[in-house]
């Protein structure tokens, strides 16, 4: 049996580089996505339908 030890990770580096939260971008998307969906539904003349079961999702 062997023992392996790994260096402790630095909690300050949790969101380093590409993994940094995109706060302002996500906040703007939160408003833009529903508005875009509403426009598409009005433009195409269809009502918004949310699936009520996973079987209704495309394969």
Protein backbone atom coordinates (compact mmCIF):
# COMPACT_ATOMS: atom_id res chain seq x y z
CA UNK A 1 0.00 0.00 0.00
CA UNK A 2 1.29 3.45 -0.79
CA UNK A 3 0.37 6.89 0.37
CA UNK A 4 0.11 9.86 -1.93
CA UNK A 5 -0.10 13.42 -0.71
CA UNK A 6 -1.21 16.33 -2.83
CA UNK A 7 -0.44 19.99 -2.18
CA UNK A 8 -3.24 21.95 -0.59
CA UNK A 9 -5.11 24.15 -3.06
CA UNK A 10 -5.20 27.89 -2.55
CA UNK A 11 -8.84 29.02 -2.06
CA UNK A 12 -8.01 32.46 -3.49
CA UNK A 13 -7.30 30.83 -6.87
CA UNK A 14 -10.71 29.21 -7.08
CA UNK A 15 -11.85 31.34 -10.03
CA UNK A 16 -8.60 31.80 -11.86
CA UNK A 17 -8.52 32.71 -15.53
CA UNK A 18 -11.19 31.15 -17.74
CA UNK A 19 -13.21 29.97 -14.76
CA UNK A 20 -13.87 33.44 -13.40
CA UNK A 21 -17.60 34.22 -12.99
CA UNK A 22 -19.05 36.37 -15.77
CA UNK A 23 -21.35 38.41 -13.54
CA UNK A 24 -22.18 41.40 -15.72
CA UNK A 25 -22.56 39.29 -18.86
CA UNK A 26 -24.86 36.82 -17.13
CA UNK A 27 -26.97 39.63 -15.65
CA UNK A 28 -27.50 41.10 -19.13
CA UNK A 29 -28.37 37.68 -20.56
CA UNK A 30 -30.91 37.13 -17.80
CA UNK A 31 -32.91 40.04 -19.20
CA UNK A 32 -32.17 39.51 -22.90
CA UNK A 33 -33.09 35.82 -23.24
CA UNK A 34 -36.72 36.10 -22.06
CA UNK A 35 -37.22 39.26 -24.15
CA UNK A 36 -35.84 37.48 -27.22
CA UNK A 37 -38.09 34.49 -26.62
CA UNK A 38 -41.15 36.71 -26.19
CA UNK A 39 -40.36 38.48 -29.46
CA UNK A 40 -39.90 35.20 -31.36
CA UNK A 41 -43.18 33.81 -30.07
CA UNK A 42 -45.11 36.98 -30.99
CA UNK A 43 -43.39 37.22 -34.40
CA UNK A 44 -44.07 33.55 -35.24
CA UNK A 45 -47.61 33.71 -33.86
CA UNK A 46 -47.20 30.84 -31.40
CA UNK A 47 -47.69 30.58 -27.66
CA UNK A 48 -44.91 29.74 -25.26
CA UNK A 49 -45.01 26.07 -24.32
CA UNK A 50 -42.86 24.57 -21.61
CA UNK A 51 -42.47 20.79 -21.50
CA UNK A 52 -44.30 19.20 -18.60
CA UNK A 53 -42.39 15.92 -18.87
CA UNK A 54 -38.94 14.86 -20.04
CA UNK A 55 -40.62 12.67 -22.70
CA UNK A 56 -41.68 15.86 -24.51
CA UNK A 57 -38.05 16.89 -25.09
CA UNK A 58 -36.45 16.18 -28.47
CA UNK A 59 -34.14 13.17 -28.53
